[in-house]
N, C-alpha and C. Protein backbone atom coordinates (compact mmCIF):
# COMPACT_ATOMS: atom_id res chain seq x y z
N UNK A 1 0.84 -1.17 0.00
CA UNK A 1 0.00 0.00 0.00
C UNK A 1 0.88 1.23 0.00
N UNK A 2 0.40 2.28 -0.63
CA UNK A 2 1.13 3.54 -0.64
C UNK A 2 1.18 4.14 0.76
N UNK A 3 2.12 5.03 0.98
CA UNK A 3 2.21 5.73 2.25
C UNK A 3 1.04 6.71 2.37
N UNK A 4 0.74 7.18 3.58
CA UNK A 4 -0.31 8.18 3.73
C UNK A 4 -0.07 9.43 2.86
N UNK A 5 1.18 9.87 2.75
CA UNK A 5 1.47 11.04 1.90
C UNK A 5 1.19 10.73 0.42
N UNK A 6 1.56 9.53 -0.03
CA UNK A 6 1.30 9.14 -1.42
C UNK A 6 -0.20 9.02 -1.69
N UNK A 7 -0.95 8.52 -0.70
CA UNK A 7 -2.41 8.43 -0.85
C UNK A 7 -3.04 9.82 -0.92
N UNK A 8 -2.49 10.76 -0.15
CA UNK A 8 -2.99 12.14 -0.20
C UNK A 8 -2.80 12.73 -1.59
N UNK A 9 -1.63 12.51 -2.18
CA UNK A 9 -1.36 12.99 -3.53
C UNK A 9 -2.31 12.32 -4.53
N UNK A 10 -2.51 11.02 -4.37
CA UNK A 10 -3.41 10.28 -5.26
C UNK A 10 -4.84 10.82 -5.17
N UNK A 11 -5.33 11.04 -3.96
CA UNK A 11 -6.68 11.57 -3.80
C UNK A 11 -6.81 12.93 -4.47
N UNK A 12 -5.84 13.80 -4.23
CA UNK A 12 -5.88 15.13 -4.85
C UNK A 12 -5.87 15.04 -6.38
N UNK A 13 -5.08 14.10 -6.91
CA UNK A 13 -5.00 13.95 -8.37
C UNK A 13 -6.32 13.47 -8.97
N UNK A 14 -7.18 12.88 -8.14
CA UNK A 14 -8.50 12.43 -8.59
C UNK A 14 -9.59 13.41 -8.17
N UNK A 15 -9.19 14.60 -7.73
CA UNK A 15 -10.15 15.63 -7.38
C UNK A 15 -10.84 15.41 -6.05
N UNK A 16 -10.26 14.57 -5.20
CA UNK A 16 -10.84 14.29 -3.89
C UNK A 16 -10.13 15.11 -2.83
N UNK A 17 -10.90 15.68 -1.92
CA UNK A 17 -10.30 16.48 -0.84
C UNK A 17 -9.54 15.56 0.12
N UNK A 18 -8.47 16.07 0.67
CA UNK A 18 -7.70 15.33 1.67
C UNK A 18 -7.98 15.98 3.02
N UNK A 19 -8.90 15.37 3.75
CA UNK A 19 -9.31 15.88 5.04
C UNK A 19 -8.50 15.23 6.15
N UNK A 20 -8.51 15.81 7.35
CA UNK A 20 -7.82 15.15 8.47
C UNK A 20 -8.36 13.73 8.72
N UNK A 21 -9.67 13.53 8.51
CA UNK A 21 -10.24 12.20 8.71
C UNK A 21 -9.65 11.19 7.71
N UNK A 22 -9.57 11.60 6.46
CA UNK A 22 -8.99 10.72 5.44
C UNK A 22 -7.53 10.43 5.76
N UNK A 23 -6.78 11.44 6.16
CA UNK A 23 -5.38 11.23 6.49
C UNK A 23 -5.23 10.25 7.65
N UNK A 24 -6.09 10.35 8.65
CA UNK A 24 -6.01 9.44 9.80
C UNK A 24 -6.32 8.01 9.37
N UNK A 25 -7.30 7.84 8.50
CA UNK A 25 -7.63 6.50 7.98
C UNK A 25 -6.45 5.94 7.20
N UNK A 26 -5.81 6.78 6.38
CA UNK A 26 -4.62 6.35 5.64
C UNK A 26 -3.54 5.85 6.60
N UNK A 27 -3.32 6.60 7.69
CA UNK A 27 -2.30 6.23 8.68
C UNK A 27 -2.61 4.89 9.33
N UNK A 28 -3.85 4.69 9.70
CA UNK A 28 -4.24 3.44 10.36
C UNK A 28 -4.04 2.26 9.43
N UNK A 29 -4.45 2.40 8.18
CA UNK A 29 -4.25 1.31 7.22
C UNK A 29 -2.77 1.04 6.98
N UNK A 30 -1.96 2.09 6.90
CA UNK A 30 -0.52 1.91 6.67
C UNK A 30 0.15 1.20 7.83
N UNK A 31 -0.36 1.39 9.05
CA UNK A 31 0.22 0.77 10.24
C UNK A 31 -0.33 -0.63 10.51
N UNK A 32 -1.38 -1.02 9.79
CA UNK A 32 -2.07 -2.28 10.07
C UNK A 32 -1.38 -3.46 9.42
N UNK A 33 -1.18 -4.51 10.18
CA UNK A 33 -0.68 -5.77 9.62
C UNK A 33 -1.82 -6.78 9.54
N UNK A 34 -3.02 -6.33 9.87
CA UNK A 34 -4.20 -7.20 9.83
C UNK A 34 -5.03 -6.85 8.61
N UNK A 35 -6.18 -7.41 8.53
CA UNK A 35 -7.14 -7.13 7.47
C UNK A 35 -8.37 -6.57 8.18
N UNK A 36 -8.33 -5.28 8.54
CA UNK A 36 -9.36 -4.74 9.42
C UNK A 36 -10.73 -4.61 8.75
N UNK A 37 -11.77 -4.68 9.58
CA UNK A 37 -13.11 -4.34 9.12
C UNK A 37 -13.26 -2.83 9.22
N UNK A 38 -14.29 -2.30 8.60
CA UNK A 38 -14.57 -0.87 8.70
C UNK A 38 -14.82 -0.49 10.16
N UNK A 39 -15.46 -1.39 10.90
CA UNK A 39 -15.75 -1.13 12.31
C UNK A 39 -14.48 -1.01 13.14
N UNK A 40 -13.48 -1.83 12.83
CA UNK A 40 -12.21 -1.75 13.55
C UNK A 40 -11.49 -0.44 13.22
N UNK A 41 -11.47 -0.05 11.95
CA UNK A 41 -10.87 1.22 11.55
C UNK A 41 -11.61 2.36 12.25
N UNK A 42 -12.93 2.28 12.28
CA UNK A 42 -13.76 3.29 12.95
C UNK A 42 -13.37 3.43 14.42
N UNK A 43 -13.24 2.31 15.11
CA UNK A 43 -12.88 2.34 16.54
C UNK A 43 -11.51 2.99 16.75
N UNK A 44 -10.57 2.71 15.87
CA UNK A 44 -9.24 3.29 16.00
C UNK A 44 -9.24 4.78 15.69
N UNK A 45 -9.94 5.19 14.64
CA UNK A 45 -9.99 6.62 14.28
C UNK A 45 -10.73 7.39 15.37
N UNK A 46 -11.78 6.79 15.89
CA UNK A 46 -12.62 7.47 16.88
C UNK A 46 -11.86 7.79 18.17
N UNK A 47 -10.78 7.09 18.45
CA UNK A 47 -9.97 7.41 19.63
C UNK A 47 -9.41 8.83 19.54
N UNK A 48 -9.11 9.29 18.32
CA UNK A 48 -8.56 10.63 18.11
C UNK A 48 -9.60 11.63 17.63
N UNK A 49 -10.60 11.13 16.91
CA UNK A 49 -11.60 12.00 16.28
C UNK A 49 -12.99 11.51 16.67
N UNK A 50 -13.46 11.97 17.79
CA UNK A 50 -14.69 11.43 18.37
C UNK A 50 -15.94 11.73 17.54
N UNK A 51 -15.89 12.68 16.63
CA UNK A 51 -17.09 13.02 15.86
C UNK A 51 -17.15 12.32 14.50
N UNK A 52 -16.16 11.51 14.17
CA UNK A 52 -16.17 10.83 12.87
C UNK A 52 -17.30 9.80 12.84
N UNK A 53 -17.88 9.61 11.66
CA UNK A 53 -18.98 8.65 11.53
C UNK A 53 -18.48 7.37 10.84
N UNK A 54 -19.20 6.30 11.07
CA UNK A 54 -18.88 5.04 10.40
C UNK A 54 -19.08 5.20 8.89
N UNK A 55 -20.04 6.01 8.48
CA UNK A 55 -20.26 6.26 7.05
C UNK A 55 -19.01 6.85 6.41
N UNK A 56 -18.35 7.78 7.10
CA UNK A 56 -17.12 8.38 6.57
C UNK A 56 -16.05 7.30 6.37
N UNK A 57 -15.94 6.40 7.34
CA UNK A 57 -14.96 5.31 7.22
C UNK A 57 -15.27 4.48 5.98
N UNK A 58 -16.53 4.06 5.83
CA UNK A 58 -16.91 3.26 4.66
C UNK A 58 -16.66 4.03 3.36
N UNK A 59 -16.99 5.32 3.34
CA UNK A 59 -16.77 6.11 2.13
C UNK A 59 -15.30 6.12 1.72
N UNK A 60 -14.41 6.35 2.69
CA UNK A 60 -12.98 6.41 2.38
C UNK A 60 -12.46 5.03 1.97
N UNK A 61 -12.87 3.98 2.69
CA UNK A 61 -12.42 2.63 2.33
C UNK A 61 -12.91 2.27 0.93
N UNK A 62 -14.15 2.60 0.61
CA UNK A 62 -14.66 2.30 -0.73
C UNK A 62 -13.94 3.11 -1.80
N UNK A 63 -13.58 4.35 -1.51
CA UNK A 63 -12.79 5.15 -2.46
C UNK A 63 -11.43 4.49 -2.70
N UNK A 64 -10.82 4.00 -1.63
CA UNK A 64 -9.52 3.33 -1.77
C UNK A 64 -9.65 2.05 -2.60
N UNK A 65 -10.75 1.32 -2.41
CA UNK A 65 -10.99 0.11 -3.22
C UNK A 65 -11.15 0.50 -4.68
N UNK A 66 -11.97 1.52 -4.95
CA UNK A 66 -12.19 1.97 -6.33
C UNK A 66 -10.90 2.42 -7.00
N UNK A 67 -9.99 3.01 -6.24
CA UNK A 67 -8.72 3.46 -6.78
C UNK A 67 -7.69 2.32 -6.88
N UNK A 68 -8.05 1.13 -6.40
CA UNK A 68 -7.16 -0.02 -6.48
C UNK A 68 -6.06 -0.03 -5.44
N UNK A 69 -6.23 0.74 -4.37
CA UNK A 69 -5.19 0.83 -3.34
C UNK A 69 -5.35 -0.20 -2.22
N UNK A 70 -6.56 -0.70 -2.03
CA UNK A 70 -6.81 -1.79 -1.08
C UNK A 70 -7.80 -2.74 -1.72
N UNK A 71 -7.91 -3.93 -1.15
CA UNK A 71 -8.88 -4.92 -1.62
C UNK A 71 -9.95 -5.10 -0.56
N UNK A 72 -11.18 -5.30 -1.02
CA UNK A 72 -12.26 -5.65 -0.10
C UNK A 72 -12.40 -7.16 -0.15
N UNK A 73 -12.41 -7.79 1.03
CA UNK A 73 -12.46 -9.24 1.13
C UNK A 73 -13.69 -9.68 1.90
N UNK A 74 -14.24 -10.82 1.53
CA UNK A 74 -15.36 -11.40 2.26
C UNK A 74 -15.01 -12.86 2.53
N UNK A 75 -14.73 -13.16 3.79
CA UNK A 75 -14.39 -14.53 4.17
C UNK A 75 -15.58 -15.26 4.76
N UNK A 76 -16.79 -14.73 4.58
CA UNK A 76 -17.99 -15.39 5.07
C UNK A 76 -18.20 -15.23 6.56
N UNK A 77 -17.64 -14.19 7.16
CA UNK A 77 -17.76 -13.98 8.59
C UNK A 77 -18.88 -13.01 8.96
N UNK A 78 -19.51 -12.42 7.95
CA UNK A 78 -20.54 -11.44 8.21
C UNK A 78 -20.05 -10.01 8.14
N UNK A 79 -18.76 -9.80 7.99
CA UNK A 79 -18.20 -8.45 7.86
C UNK A 79 -17.13 -8.49 6.78
N UNK A 80 -17.12 -7.47 5.97
CA UNK A 80 -16.08 -7.38 4.95
C UNK A 80 -14.81 -6.83 5.59
N UNK A 81 -13.70 -7.32 5.10
CA UNK A 81 -12.39 -6.86 5.58
C UNK A 81 -11.71 -6.11 4.45
N UNK A 82 -10.75 -5.28 4.83
CA UNK A 82 -10.02 -4.48 3.86
C UNK A 82 -8.55 -4.81 3.96
N UNK A 83 -7.96 -5.15 2.82
CA UNK A 83 -6.59 -5.64 2.76
C UNK A 83 -5.72 -4.63 2.02
N UNK A 84 -4.75 -4.04 2.72
CA UNK A 84 -3.88 -3.08 2.05
C UNK A 84 -2.88 -3.71 1.07
N UNK A 85 -2.80 -5.02 1.02
CA UNK A 85 -1.90 -5.70 0.09
C UNK A 85 -2.66 -6.01 -1.19
N UNK A 86 -2.31 -5.34 -2.27
CA UNK A 86 -3.03 -5.55 -3.53
C UNK A 86 -2.33 -6.53 -4.47
N UNK A 87 -1.09 -6.88 -4.15
CA UNK A 87 -0.38 -7.88 -4.96
C UNK A 87 -1.07 -9.23 -4.80
N UNK A 88 -0.95 -10.08 -5.82
CA UNK A 88 -1.56 -11.41 -5.77
C UNK A 88 -1.04 -12.17 -4.55
N UNK A 89 -1.95 -12.62 -3.71
CA UNK A 89 -1.57 -13.40 -2.53
C UNK A 89 -2.77 -14.20 -2.04
N UNK A 90 -2.53 -15.00 -1.03
CA UNK A 90 -3.54 -15.91 -0.48
C UNK A 90 -3.64 -15.65 1.02
N UNK A 91 -4.51 -16.39 1.70
CA UNK A 91 -4.75 -16.10 3.12
C UNK A 91 -4.82 -17.35 3.98
N UNK A 92 -4.36 -17.17 5.22
CA UNK A 92 -4.55 -18.13 6.32
C UNK A 92 -5.56 -17.50 7.26
N UNK A 93 -6.57 -18.25 7.68
CA UNK A 93 -7.58 -17.72 8.59
C UNK A 93 -7.73 -18.65 9.77
N UNK A 94 -7.64 -18.09 10.97
CA UNK A 94 -7.86 -18.88 12.18
C UNK A 94 -9.37 -19.01 12.38
N UNK A 95 -9.84 -20.24 12.49
CA UNK A 95 -11.27 -20.49 12.67
C UNK A 95 -11.76 -20.15 14.06
N UNK A 96 -10.86 -19.95 14.98
CA UNK A 96 -11.27 -19.66 16.35
C UNK A 96 -11.26 -18.17 16.66
N UNK A 97 -10.16 -17.47 16.36
CA UNK A 97 -10.07 -16.05 16.73
C UNK A 97 -10.28 -15.11 15.53
N UNK A 98 -10.24 -15.64 14.31
CA UNK A 98 -10.47 -14.83 13.13
C UNK A 98 -9.24 -14.15 12.57
N UNK A 99 -8.08 -14.40 13.15
CA UNK A 99 -6.85 -13.79 12.63
C UNK A 99 -6.67 -14.15 11.15
N UNK A 100 -6.24 -13.17 10.36
CA UNK A 100 -5.99 -13.39 8.93
C UNK A 100 -4.55 -13.02 8.65
N UNK A 101 -3.85 -13.88 7.96
CA UNK A 101 -2.46 -13.63 7.57
C UNK A 101 -2.31 -13.83 6.08
N UNK A 102 -1.44 -13.03 5.48
CA UNK A 102 -1.16 -13.14 4.05
C UNK A 102 -0.17 -14.26 3.78
N UNK A 103 -0.35 -14.93 2.64
CA UNK A 103 0.58 -15.94 2.16
C UNK A 103 1.00 -15.53 0.75
N UNK A 104 2.28 -15.46 0.53
CA UNK A 104 2.80 -15.15 -0.80
C UNK A 104 3.43 -16.42 -1.34
N UNK A 105 2.65 -17.17 -2.09
CA UNK A 105 3.11 -18.43 -2.64
C UNK A 105 2.41 -18.64 -3.99
N UNK A 106 3.07 -19.36 -4.86
CA UNK A 106 2.49 -19.66 -6.17
C UNK A 106 1.90 -21.06 -6.12
N UNK A 107 0.66 -21.18 -6.53
CA UNK A 107 0.00 -22.48 -6.63
C UNK A 107 -0.30 -22.71 -8.09
N UNK A 108 0.73 -23.01 -8.85
CA UNK A 108 0.62 -23.12 -10.31
C UNK A 108 -0.19 -24.33 -10.76
N UNK A 109 -0.28 -25.35 -9.94
CA UNK A 109 -0.97 -26.57 -10.35
C UNK A 109 -2.47 -26.53 -10.11
N UNK A 110 -2.98 -25.45 -9.50
CA UNK A 110 -4.42 -25.36 -9.26
C UNK A 110 -5.10 -24.99 -10.57
N UNK A 111 -5.95 -25.88 -11.04
CA UNK A 111 -6.65 -25.64 -12.30
C UNK A 111 -8.09 -26.12 -12.19
N UNK A 112 -8.95 -25.48 -12.94
CA UNK A 112 -10.35 -25.89 -13.01
C UNK A 112 -10.50 -26.77 -14.24
N UNK A 113 -11.09 -27.95 -14.08
CA UNK A 113 -11.33 -28.76 -15.28
C UNK A 113 -12.18 -27.98 -16.28
N UNK A 114 -11.86 -28.10 -17.54
CA UNK A 114 -12.56 -27.31 -18.56
C UNK A 114 -14.06 -27.54 -18.52
N UNK A 115 -14.49 -28.74 -18.12
CA UNK A 115 -15.93 -29.03 -18.05
C UNK A 115 -16.63 -28.26 -16.93
N UNK A 116 -15.85 -27.67 -16.01
CA UNK A 116 -16.44 -26.94 -14.89
C UNK A 116 -16.15 -25.45 -14.93
N UNK A 117 -15.69 -24.94 -16.04
CA UNK A 117 -15.40 -23.50 -16.17
C UNK A 117 -16.65 -22.69 -16.49
N UNK A 118 -17.67 -23.33 -16.99
CA UNK A 118 -18.95 -22.67 -17.28
C UNK A 118 -18.77 -21.42 -18.15
N UNK A 119 -17.83 -21.47 -19.06
CA UNK A 119 -17.61 -20.36 -19.96
C UNK A 119 -16.80 -19.21 -19.39
N UNK A 120 -16.34 -19.34 -18.17
CA UNK A 120 -15.57 -18.27 -17.54
C UNK A 120 -14.18 -18.19 -18.14
N UNK A 121 -13.66 -16.98 -18.22
CA UNK A 121 -12.27 -16.74 -18.55
C UNK A 121 -11.58 -16.41 -17.23
N UNK A 122 -10.70 -17.25 -16.78
CA UNK A 122 -10.10 -17.13 -15.44
C UNK A 122 -8.97 -16.10 -15.47
N UNK A 123 -9.04 -15.12 -14.57
CA UNK A 123 -7.99 -14.10 -14.44
C UNK A 123 -7.01 -14.43 -13.34
N UNK A 124 -7.52 -14.89 -12.21
CA UNK A 124 -6.64 -15.25 -11.10
C UNK A 124 -7.38 -16.19 -10.15
N UNK A 125 -6.65 -16.73 -9.20
CA UNK A 125 -7.22 -17.62 -8.19
C UNK A 125 -6.73 -17.20 -6.82
N UNK A 126 -7.60 -17.29 -5.86
CA UNK A 126 -7.24 -16.99 -4.47
C UNK A 126 -7.47 -18.23 -3.64
N UNK A 127 -6.48 -18.60 -2.85
CA UNK A 127 -6.58 -19.78 -2.00
C UNK A 127 -6.68 -19.33 -0.55
N UNK A 128 -7.65 -19.87 0.16
CA UNK A 128 -7.82 -19.56 1.57
C UNK A 128 -7.65 -20.84 2.38
N UNK A 129 -6.71 -20.80 3.31
CA UNK A 129 -6.48 -21.93 4.21
C UNK A 129 -7.11 -21.59 5.55
N UNK A 130 -7.84 -22.51 6.12
CA UNK A 130 -8.48 -22.30 7.41
C UNK A 130 -7.93 -23.32 8.40
N UNK A 131 -7.72 -22.87 9.60
CA UNK A 131 -7.19 -23.74 10.64
C UNK A 131 -7.12 -22.97 11.93
N UNK A 132 -6.10 -23.25 12.74
CA UNK A 132 -5.94 -22.60 14.03
C UNK A 132 -4.56 -21.96 14.13
N UNK A 133 -4.52 -20.71 14.58
CA UNK A 133 -3.25 -20.02 14.76
C UNK A 133 -2.51 -20.61 15.96
N UNK A 134 -1.28 -20.20 16.15
CA UNK A 134 -0.44 -20.74 17.22
C UNK A 134 -1.08 -20.54 18.59
N UNK A 135 -1.61 -19.33 18.86
CA UNK A 135 -2.21 -19.06 20.16
C UNK A 135 -3.44 -19.93 20.40
N UNK A 136 -4.26 -20.10 19.39
CA UNK A 136 -5.47 -20.92 19.55
C UNK A 136 -5.13 -22.40 19.66
N UNK A 137 -4.07 -22.84 18.98
CA UNK A 137 -3.62 -24.23 19.13
C UNK A 137 -3.18 -24.47 20.56
N UNK A 138 -2.44 -23.52 21.13
CA UNK A 138 -1.97 -23.66 22.51
C UNK A 138 -3.13 -23.66 23.49
N UNK A 139 -4.20 -22.92 23.16
CA UNK A 139 -5.37 -22.88 24.02
C UNK A 139 -6.15 -24.19 23.95
N UNK A 140 -5.89 -24.96 22.91
CA UNK A 140 -6.55 -26.25 22.75
C UNK A 140 -7.63 -26.19 21.71
N UNK A 141 -7.68 -27.22 20.87
CA UNK A 141 -8.69 -27.27 19.83
C UNK A 141 -9.47 -28.56 19.88
N UNK A 142 -9.50 -29.20 21.06
CA UNK A 142 -10.31 -30.41 21.17
C UNK A 142 -11.77 -30.01 21.05
N UNK A 143 -12.64 -30.97 20.88
CA UNK A 143 -14.05 -30.64 20.70
C UNK A 143 -14.60 -29.89 21.90
N UNK A 144 -14.04 -30.10 23.10
CA UNK A 144 -14.51 -29.37 24.28
C UNK A 144 -13.99 -27.94 24.29
N UNK A 145 -12.79 -27.70 23.76
CA UNK A 145 -12.19 -26.38 23.82
C UNK A 145 -12.55 -25.53 22.60
N UNK A 146 -12.93 -26.18 21.51
CA UNK A 146 -13.20 -25.44 20.28
C UNK A 146 -14.49 -24.65 20.42
N UNK A 147 -14.43 -23.38 20.09
CA UNK A 147 -15.63 -22.53 20.11
C UNK A 147 -15.63 -21.69 18.85
N UNK A 148 -16.76 -21.64 18.15
CA UNK A 148 -16.81 -20.76 16.97
C UNK A 148 -16.74 -19.32 17.40
N UNK A 149 -16.28 -18.45 16.50
CA UNK A 149 -16.17 -17.02 16.80
C UNK A 149 -17.52 -16.38 17.02
N UNK A 150 -18.52 -16.79 16.25
CA UNK A 150 -19.84 -16.21 16.40
C UNK A 150 -20.85 -17.33 16.55
N UNK A 151 -21.87 -17.07 17.32
CA UNK A 151 -22.93 -18.06 17.48
C UNK A 151 -24.10 -17.65 16.62
N UNK A 152 -24.74 -18.63 16.02
CA UNK A 152 -25.95 -18.35 15.25
C UNK A 152 -27.08 -18.09 16.23
N UNK A 153 -27.92 -17.12 15.91
CA UNK A 153 -29.06 -16.80 16.74
C UNK A 153 -30.22 -17.72 16.42
N UNK A 154 -31.05 -17.97 17.40
CA UNK A 154 -32.22 -18.78 17.17
C UNK A 154 -33.05 -18.15 16.07
N UNK A 155 -33.52 -18.95 15.14
CA UNK A 155 -34.31 -18.43 14.03
C UNK A 155 -33.49 -18.17 12.78
N UNK A 156 -32.15 -18.26 12.88
CA UNK A 156 -31.32 -18.05 11.70
C UNK A 156 -31.59 -19.15 10.69
N UNK A 157 -31.57 -18.78 9.43
CA UNK A 157 -31.64 -19.75 8.35
C UNK A 157 -30.30 -19.71 7.65
N UNK A 158 -30.17 -20.45 6.57
CA UNK A 158 -28.87 -20.50 5.89
C UNK A 158 -28.42 -19.12 5.44
N UNK A 159 -29.34 -18.28 4.95
CA UNK A 159 -28.94 -16.99 4.40
C UNK A 159 -29.47 -15.80 5.17
N UNK A 160 -30.13 -15.98 6.24
CA UNK A 160 -30.66 -14.84 6.97
C UNK A 160 -31.27 -15.30 8.27
N UNK A 161 -32.11 -14.45 8.85
CA UNK A 161 -32.74 -14.86 10.09
C UNK A 161 -34.22 -14.56 10.01
N UNK A 162 -34.92 -14.81 11.09
CA UNK A 162 -36.36 -14.68 11.10
C UNK A 162 -36.81 -13.25 10.86
N UNK A 163 -35.95 -12.26 11.06
CA UNK A 163 -36.34 -10.87 10.84
C UNK A 163 -36.21 -10.48 9.38
N UNK A 164 -35.70 -11.37 8.56
CA UNK A 164 -35.63 -11.09 7.14
C UNK A 164 -34.30 -10.53 6.66
N UNK A 165 -33.36 -10.24 7.58
CA UNK A 165 -32.07 -9.76 7.10
C UNK A 165 -31.40 -10.90 6.36
N UNK A 166 -30.58 -10.56 5.40
CA UNK A 166 -30.05 -11.60 4.55
C UNK A 166 -28.63 -11.28 4.13
N UNK A 167 -27.85 -12.33 4.00
CA UNK A 167 -26.52 -12.19 3.40
C UNK A 167 -26.43 -13.14 2.23
N UNK A 168 -27.54 -13.23 1.47
CA UNK A 168 -27.56 -14.11 0.31
C UNK A 168 -26.45 -13.74 -0.65
N UNK A 169 -25.91 -14.73 -1.32
CA UNK A 169 -24.92 -14.41 -2.34
C UNK A 169 -25.56 -13.60 -3.45
N UNK A 170 -24.79 -12.71 -4.07
CA UNK A 170 -25.27 -11.93 -5.18
C UNK A 170 -25.43 -12.83 -6.40
N UNK A 171 -26.15 -12.34 -7.38
CA UNK A 171 -26.38 -13.10 -8.60
C UNK A 171 -25.06 -13.64 -9.15
N UNK A 172 -25.05 -14.91 -9.43
CA UNK A 172 -23.87 -15.53 -10.01
C UNK A 172 -22.86 -16.02 -9.00
N UNK A 173 -23.09 -15.74 -7.70
CA UNK A 173 -22.16 -16.21 -6.68
C UNK A 173 -22.70 -17.47 -6.03
N UNK A 174 -21.82 -18.36 -5.71
CA UNK A 174 -22.20 -19.54 -4.95
C UNK A 174 -22.22 -19.19 -3.48
N UNK A 175 -23.06 -19.84 -2.69
CA UNK A 175 -23.01 -19.59 -1.25
C UNK A 175 -21.65 -19.98 -0.70
N UNK A 176 -21.20 -19.28 0.34
CA UNK A 176 -19.94 -19.59 0.99
C UNK A 176 -20.09 -20.96 1.65
N UNK A 177 -19.18 -21.85 1.39
CA UNK A 177 -19.20 -23.16 2.01
C UNK A 177 -18.25 -23.14 3.18
N UNK A 178 -18.77 -23.41 4.35
CA UNK A 178 -17.95 -23.40 5.55
C UNK A 178 -17.46 -24.81 5.83
N UNK A 179 -16.26 -24.94 6.39
CA UNK A 179 -15.76 -26.27 6.70
C UNK A 179 -16.62 -26.90 7.78
N UNK A 180 -16.70 -28.23 7.82
CA UNK A 180 -17.49 -28.87 8.86
C UNK A 180 -16.94 -28.55 10.24
N UNK A 181 -17.84 -28.40 11.19
CA UNK A 181 -17.41 -28.11 12.57
C UNK A 181 -17.23 -29.42 13.31
N UNK A 182 -16.32 -29.43 14.29
CA UNK A 182 -16.10 -30.66 15.04
C UNK A 182 -17.39 -31.10 15.72
N UNK A 183 -17.55 -32.40 15.85
CA UNK A 183 -18.71 -32.95 16.55
C UNK A 183 -18.56 -32.67 18.04
N UNK A 184 -19.55 -31.99 18.59
CA UNK A 184 -19.48 -31.62 20.01
C UNK A 184 -20.23 -32.61 20.88
N UNK A 185 -20.63 -33.70 20.28
CA UNK A 185 -21.31 -34.75 21.04
C UNK A 185 -22.75 -34.39 21.36
N UNK A 186 -23.56 -35.42 21.62
CA UNK A 186 -24.93 -35.31 22.08
C UNK A 186 -25.80 -34.58 21.21
């Protein structure tokens, strides 16, 4: 990702104002080694700028995505994450704490059989590995110790809940397939 100063120049070159709020968001992203959600960026900016809105955070993050400076990621957790690394890479995700780490490796042998391409012209592939980070492994991952990060609420269906909110896949997208959870007995 570009430095905060380089992002300021880029925004100005696209006719966008460089406000103190935007500069602070640039700084937080430049210092981040994680893949923060908009809510996490909001919490960090709000420590210094108590009047900033979550809408402002989303607006700036979306502008950065449109300019190709960050990537928006959806790992099926219910919140989109923003990745300041735009180079081709893959991810490790801890199923317990949600930690996300970048992997820079080439997986040249990954191919889709021609019978399953459905007419698509493939530009790139992203591989996501799911498991347990070092801290969560040390905490234990037996069926008794394993706990999902979020619990489903009573009334939830596959794509939404009884109140009608939905995270259905958009047209042409397959539903996110989650790995099987350990059998917790009974």
